Amino acid sequence: MVEDFLENVLWWSHVTDINDNPPELLMSSLTSSIAENSAETIVAVFRIRDKDSGNNAKMVCSIQDDLPFVLKPSVENFYTLVTERPLDRESRAEYNVTITTIVCTISPAIVELVL
């Protein structure tokens, strides 16, 4: 009798994404113009955060490889974007820097900010 009842039971389940909060990039400082021939100039200071916890809050930040800039991590998910070498306005007057933040999980969330 119990077996007959179990055959007719429907099971409903709601699957919740364990990484339901996308990473956030919070800009603290941004320099709009950089003098050419000045090395290691701070262009931006920012931090990344994720409201998830544990492994779902681990993040990696990166920029394109072909630019004269470098990301320098500091404390508690703070980063500084600096010039890696002096810039030459005659060879290139402007740059598009994309900061990509990826959450390191099975289903990563990606946030990009173009400066």
N, C-alpha and C. Protein backbone atom coordinates (compact mmCIF):
# COMPACT_ATOMS: atom_id res chain seq x y z
N MET A 1 0.80 -1.19 0.00
CA MET A 1 0.00 0.00 0.00
C MET A 1 0.85 1.27 0.00
N VAL A 2 1.88 1.31 0.82
CA VAL A 2 2.79 2.45 0.85
C VAL A 2 3.52 2.57 -0.49
N GLU A 3 3.91 1.45 -1.09
CA GLU A 3 4.61 1.46 -2.38
C GLU A 3 3.72 2.08 -3.46
N ASP A 4 2.42 1.79 -3.46
CA ASP A 4 1.51 2.39 -4.43
C ASP A 4 1.45 3.91 -4.27
N PHE A 5 1.47 4.37 -3.04
CA PHE A 5 1.42 5.80 -2.77
C PHE A 5 2.70 6.48 -3.27
N LEU A 6 3.86 5.90 -3.05
CA LEU A 6 5.13 6.50 -3.45
C LEU A 6 5.26 6.61 -4.97
N GLU A 7 4.64 5.73 -5.71
CA GLU A 7 4.71 5.80 -7.16
C GLU A 7 4.01 7.03 -7.71
N ASN A 8 3.08 7.61 -6.97
CA ASN A 8 2.31 8.74 -7.45
C ASN A 8 2.74 10.09 -6.86
N VAL A 9 3.83 10.12 -6.12
CA VAL A 9 4.30 11.35 -5.51
C VAL A 9 5.16 12.11 -6.51
N LEU A 10 4.89 13.40 -6.65
CA LEU A 10 5.72 14.26 -7.49
C LEU A 10 6.71 15.00 -6.58
N TRP A 11 7.92 15.15 -7.04
CA TRP A 11 8.94 15.83 -6.25
C TRP A 11 9.32 17.12 -6.96
N TRP A 12 9.19 18.25 -6.27
CA TRP A 12 9.57 19.54 -6.80
C TRP A 12 10.77 20.04 -6.02
N SER A 13 11.73 20.52 -6.73
CA SER A 13 12.92 21.04 -6.07
C SER A 13 13.35 22.31 -6.78
N HIS A 14 13.81 23.27 -6.02
CA HIS A 14 14.33 24.50 -6.58
C HIS A 14 15.85 24.50 -6.40
N VAL A 15 16.57 24.58 -7.50
CA VAL A 15 18.03 24.59 -7.45
C VAL A 15 18.50 26.04 -7.36
N THR A 16 19.28 26.34 -6.34
CA THR A 16 19.81 27.68 -6.14
C THR A 16 21.26 27.72 -6.56
N ASP A 17 21.62 28.73 -7.32
CA ASP A 17 23.00 28.92 -7.74
C ASP A 17 23.83 29.26 -6.51
N ILE A 18 24.88 28.47 -6.24
CA ILE A 18 25.70 28.72 -5.06
C ILE A 18 26.56 29.96 -5.22
N ASN A 19 26.71 30.43 -6.45
CA ASN A 19 27.48 31.65 -6.70
C ASN A 19 26.54 32.68 -7.31
N ASP A 20 25.53 33.08 -6.55
CA ASP A 20 24.50 33.94 -7.10
C ASP A 20 24.82 35.42 -7.03
N ASN A 21 25.94 35.78 -6.43
CA ASN A 21 26.34 37.18 -6.37
C ASN A 21 27.53 37.42 -7.29
N PRO A 22 27.38 38.28 -8.29
CA PRO A 22 28.51 38.55 -9.17
C PRO A 22 29.56 39.38 -8.44
N PRO A 23 30.81 39.28 -8.87
CA PRO A 23 31.85 40.11 -8.24
C PRO A 23 31.61 41.58 -8.55
N GLU A 24 32.07 42.43 -7.64
CA GLU A 24 31.95 43.86 -7.82
C GLU A 24 33.33 44.48 -7.87
N LEU A 25 33.50 45.46 -8.73
CA LEU A 25 34.74 46.21 -8.83
C LEU A 25 34.44 47.64 -8.38
N LEU A 26 35.07 48.06 -7.29
CA LEU A 26 34.79 49.36 -6.70
C LEU A 26 36.00 50.27 -6.90
N MET A 27 35.85 51.29 -7.73
CA MET A 27 36.94 52.20 -8.06
C MET A 27 37.12 53.23 -6.95
N SER A 28 38.34 53.34 -6.42
CA SER A 28 38.64 54.33 -5.39
C SER A 28 39.26 55.58 -5.98
N SER A 29 40.09 55.38 -7.01
CA SER A 29 40.79 56.50 -7.62
C SER A 29 41.05 56.18 -9.08
N LEU A 30 40.94 57.19 -9.95
CA LEU A 30 41.16 57.00 -11.38
C LEU A 30 41.79 58.26 -11.95
N THR A 31 42.93 58.10 -12.62
CA THR A 31 43.62 59.21 -13.25
C THR A 31 43.19 59.29 -14.70
N SER A 32 42.74 60.46 -15.14
CA SER A 32 42.23 60.58 -16.50
C SER A 32 43.31 60.86 -17.52
N SER A 33 44.41 61.47 -17.12
CA SER A 33 45.51 61.70 -18.06
C SER A 33 46.84 61.39 -17.38
N ILE A 34 47.76 60.89 -18.18
CA ILE A 34 49.08 60.47 -17.70
C ILE A 34 50.13 61.19 -18.53
N ALA A 35 51.07 61.82 -17.87
CA ALA A 35 52.15 62.48 -18.60
C ALA A 35 53.05 61.42 -19.24
N GLU A 36 53.43 61.66 -20.51
CA GLU A 36 54.31 60.69 -21.16
C GLU A 36 55.70 60.75 -20.51
N ASN A 37 56.43 59.67 -20.69
CA ASN A 37 57.78 59.52 -20.16
C ASN A 37 57.84 59.44 -18.64
N SER A 38 56.72 59.18 -17.98
CA SER A 38 56.74 58.99 -16.53
C SER A 38 56.48 57.52 -16.23
N ALA A 39 57.46 56.90 -15.61
CA ALA A 39 57.36 55.47 -15.31
C ALA A 39 56.63 55.24 -13.98
N GLU A 40 56.00 54.09 -13.87
CA GLU A 40 55.29 53.65 -12.67
C GLU A 40 54.35 54.70 -12.10
N THR A 41 53.49 55.21 -12.96
CA THR A 41 52.46 56.16 -12.55
C THR A 41 51.21 55.39 -12.15
N ILE A 42 50.63 55.76 -11.03
CA ILE A 42 49.39 55.12 -10.59
C ILE A 42 48.24 55.65 -11.44
N VAL A 43 47.56 54.72 -12.11
CA VAL A 43 46.44 55.07 -12.98
C VAL A 43 45.11 54.89 -12.26
N ALA A 44 44.99 53.81 -11.50
CA ALA A 44 43.74 53.52 -10.79
C ALA A 44 44.02 52.72 -9.53
N VAL A 45 43.17 52.94 -8.55
CA VAL A 45 43.18 52.14 -7.32
C VAL A 45 41.75 51.63 -7.15
N PHE A 46 41.61 50.33 -6.95
CA PHE A 46 40.27 49.75 -6.83
C PHE A 46 40.33 48.50 -5.98
N ARG A 47 39.17 48.02 -5.61
CA ARG A 47 39.08 46.74 -4.90
C ARG A 47 37.97 45.92 -5.53
N ILE A 48 38.10 44.63 -5.36
CA ILE A 48 37.07 43.71 -5.84
C ILE A 48 36.46 43.02 -4.63
N ARG A 49 35.18 42.71 -4.73
CA ARG A 49 34.54 41.99 -3.63
C ARG A 49 33.44 41.11 -4.20
N ASP A 50 33.12 40.09 -3.44
CA ASP A 50 32.07 39.15 -3.79
C ASP A 50 31.30 38.87 -2.52
N LYS A 51 29.99 38.98 -2.56
CA LYS A 51 29.17 38.77 -1.37
C LYS A 51 29.00 37.30 -1.02
N ASP A 52 29.49 36.41 -1.88
CA ASP A 52 29.46 34.98 -1.56
C ASP A 52 30.55 34.70 -0.53
N SER A 53 30.61 33.46 -0.07
CA SER A 53 31.60 33.11 0.94
C SER A 53 32.38 31.86 0.53
N GLY A 54 33.44 31.59 1.24
CA GLY A 54 34.25 30.40 0.98
C GLY A 54 34.88 30.43 -0.40
N ASN A 55 34.92 29.25 -1.05
CA ASN A 55 35.50 29.15 -2.38
C ASN A 55 34.75 29.97 -3.42
N ASN A 56 33.48 30.25 -3.18
CA ASN A 56 32.68 31.03 -4.12
C ASN A 56 33.03 32.52 -4.10
N ALA A 57 33.86 32.93 -3.16
CA ALA A 57 34.26 34.33 -3.08
C ALA A 57 35.70 34.55 -3.52
N LYS A 58 36.38 33.48 -3.94
CA LYS A 58 37.76 33.62 -4.42
C LYS A 58 37.76 34.18 -5.83
N MET A 59 38.55 35.24 -6.04
CA MET A 59 38.53 35.94 -7.33
C MET A 59 39.95 36.15 -7.86
N VAL A 60 40.01 36.32 -9.17
CA VAL A 60 41.25 36.63 -9.86
C VAL A 60 40.99 37.85 -10.73
N CYS A 61 41.93 38.78 -10.74
CA CYS A 61 41.80 40.00 -11.50
C CYS A 61 42.91 40.05 -12.54
N SER A 62 42.60 40.51 -13.76
CA SER A 62 43.63 40.57 -14.80
C SER A 62 43.32 41.68 -15.80
N ILE A 63 44.35 42.03 -16.60
CA ILE A 63 44.20 42.96 -17.71
C ILE A 63 44.83 42.31 -18.93
N GLN A 64 44.69 42.95 -20.08
CA GLN A 64 45.28 42.42 -21.31
C GLN A 64 46.82 42.39 -21.19
N ASP A 65 47.42 41.44 -21.90
CA ASP A 65 48.88 41.28 -21.86
C ASP A 65 49.64 42.28 -22.72
N ASP A 66 49.00 42.86 -23.71
CA ASP A 66 49.71 43.67 -24.70
C ASP A 66 49.73 45.16 -24.37
N LEU A 67 49.59 45.53 -23.11
CA LEU A 67 49.55 46.93 -22.71
C LEU A 67 50.73 47.27 -21.79
N PRO A 68 51.12 48.53 -21.74
CA PRO A 68 52.22 48.94 -20.86
C PRO A 68 51.76 49.23 -19.43
N PHE A 69 50.82 48.42 -18.95
CA PHE A 69 50.29 48.57 -17.61
C PHE A 69 50.40 47.25 -16.87
N VAL A 70 50.39 47.33 -15.55
CA VAL A 70 50.44 46.12 -14.73
C VAL A 70 49.51 46.32 -13.53
N LEU A 71 48.90 45.21 -13.11
CA LEU A 71 48.07 45.22 -11.90
C LEU A 71 48.94 44.78 -10.73
N LYS A 72 48.93 45.56 -9.68
CA LYS A 72 49.69 45.21 -8.48
C LYS A 72 48.70 44.98 -7.33
N PRO A 73 48.61 43.72 -6.89
CA PRO A 73 47.71 43.45 -5.76
C PRO A 73 48.32 43.97 -4.46
N SER A 74 47.46 44.39 -3.55
CA SER A 74 47.94 44.78 -2.24
C SER A 74 47.18 43.99 -1.19
N VAL A 75 46.52 44.62 -0.26
CA VAL A 75 45.84 43.89 0.81
C VAL A 75 44.34 43.79 0.56
N GLU A 76 43.74 42.73 1.08
CA GLU A 76 42.28 42.57 1.09
C GLU A 76 41.60 42.90 -0.23
N ASN A 77 42.07 42.30 -1.32
CA ASN A 77 41.47 42.46 -2.65
C ASN A 77 41.57 43.88 -3.21
N PHE A 78 42.53 44.66 -2.75
CA PHE A 78 42.81 45.96 -3.35
C PHE A 78 43.88 45.80 -4.41
N TYR A 79 43.73 46.54 -5.50
CA TYR A 79 44.69 46.51 -6.61
C TYR A 79 45.05 47.93 -7.02
N THR A 80 46.25 48.07 -7.57
CA THR A 80 46.69 49.32 -8.16
C THR A 80 47.05 49.03 -9.61
N LEU A 81 46.53 49.84 -10.52
CA LEU A 81 46.89 49.75 -11.93
C LEU A 81 47.94 50.83 -12.16
N VAL A 82 49.15 50.43 -12.58
CA VAL A 82 50.25 51.37 -12.79
C VAL A 82 50.85 51.18 -14.18
N THR A 83 51.50 52.23 -14.66
CA THR A 83 52.22 52.10 -15.93
C THR A 83 53.46 51.25 -15.68
N GLU A 84 53.73 50.36 -16.60
CA GLU A 84 54.87 49.45 -16.47
C GLU A 84 56.16 50.09 -17.00
N ARG A 85 56.00 51.01 -17.92
CA ARG A 85 57.13 51.71 -18.53
C ARG A 85 56.64 53.08 -18.99
N PRO A 86 57.53 53.99 -19.32
CA PRO A 86 57.10 55.31 -19.80
C PRO A 86 56.25 55.17 -21.07
N LEU A 87 55.24 56.02 -21.18
CA LEU A 87 54.37 56.01 -22.35
C LEU A 87 54.87 57.03 -23.37
N ASP A 88 54.64 56.75 -24.65
CA ASP A 88 55.06 57.64 -25.73
C ASP A 88 53.82 58.05 -26.52
N ARG A 89 53.41 59.30 -26.36
CA ARG A 89 52.19 59.79 -27.01
C ARG A 89 52.28 59.75 -28.53
N GLU A 90 53.46 59.92 -29.09
CA GLU A 90 53.60 59.90 -30.55
C GLU A 90 53.35 58.51 -31.14
N SER A 91 53.66 57.48 -30.37
CA SER A 91 53.42 56.12 -30.89
C SER A 91 52.01 55.62 -30.57
N ARG A 92 51.43 56.09 -29.46
CA ARG A 92 50.06 55.71 -29.10
C ARG A 92 49.51 56.73 -28.12
N ALA A 93 48.42 57.37 -28.49
CA ALA A 93 47.88 58.46 -27.68
C ALA A 93 46.88 58.02 -26.62
N GLU A 94 46.22 56.88 -26.81
CA GLU A 94 45.26 56.42 -25.81
C GLU A 94 45.21 54.90 -25.75
N TYR A 95 44.73 54.40 -24.62
CA TYR A 95 44.67 52.97 -24.36
C TYR A 95 43.29 52.62 -23.83
N ASN A 96 42.81 51.45 -24.18
CA ASN A 96 41.62 50.87 -23.58
C ASN A 96 42.08 49.72 -22.70
N VAL A 97 41.92 49.88 -21.41
CA VAL A 97 42.32 48.85 -20.46
C VAL A 97 41.05 48.18 -19.95
N THR A 98 40.99 46.87 -20.09
CA THR A 98 39.86 46.10 -19.58
C THR A 98 40.31 45.34 -18.36
N ILE A 99 39.69 45.63 -17.23
CA ILE A 99 39.96 44.89 -15.99
C ILE A 99 38.94 43.77 -15.91
N THR A 100 39.40 42.55 -15.90
CA THR A 100 38.52 41.38 -15.84
C THR A 100 38.62 40.75 -14.47
N THR A 101 37.49 40.54 -13.82
CA THR A 101 37.43 39.88 -12.52
C THR A 101 36.67 38.58 -12.70
N ILE A 102 37.31 37.48 -12.34
CA ILE A 102 36.70 36.15 -12.49
C ILE A 102 36.60 35.49 -11.13
N VAL A 103 35.42 34.98 -10.81
CA VAL A 103 35.23 34.20 -9.59
C VAL A 103 35.67 32.78 -9.88
N CYS A 104 36.53 32.23 -9.04
CA CYS A 104 37.14 30.91 -9.26
C CYS A 104 36.24 29.80 -8.73
N THR A 105 35.20 29.47 -9.48
CA THR A 105 34.31 28.37 -9.12
C THR A 105 34.07 27.51 -10.34
N ILE A 106 33.26 26.49 -10.19
CA ILE A 106 32.93 25.62 -11.31
C ILE A 106 32.21 26.40 -12.40
N SER A 107 31.28 27.29 -11.99
CA SER A 107 30.59 28.15 -12.96
C SER A 107 30.99 29.60 -12.68
N PRO A 108 32.11 30.05 -13.26
CA PRO A 108 32.63 31.37 -12.90
C PRO A 108 31.75 32.51 -13.39
N ALA A 109 31.71 33.54 -12.59
CA ALA A 109 31.07 34.80 -12.97
C ALA A 109 32.17 35.75 -13.40
N ILE A 110 31.96 36.47 -14.47
CA ILE A 110 32.99 37.36 -15.01
C ILE A 110 32.44 38.78 -15.06
N VAL A 111 33.22 39.72 -14.57
CA VAL A 111 32.87 41.13 -14.65
C VAL A 111 34.02 41.85 -15.35
N GLU A 112 33.70 42.70 -16.33
CA GLU A 112 34.72 43.45 -17.04
C GLU A 112 34.41 44.92 -16.94
N LEU A 113 35.45 45.71 -16.73
CA LEU A 113 35.34 47.16 -16.70
C LEU A 113 36.36 47.72 -17.66
N VAL A 114 35.90 48.54 -18.60
CA VAL A 114 36.80 49.15 -19.57
C VAL A 114 37.09 50.57 -19.14
N LEU A 115 38.37 50.89 -19.00
CA LEU A 115 38.78 52.25 -18.63
C LEU A 115 39.10 53.04 -19.87
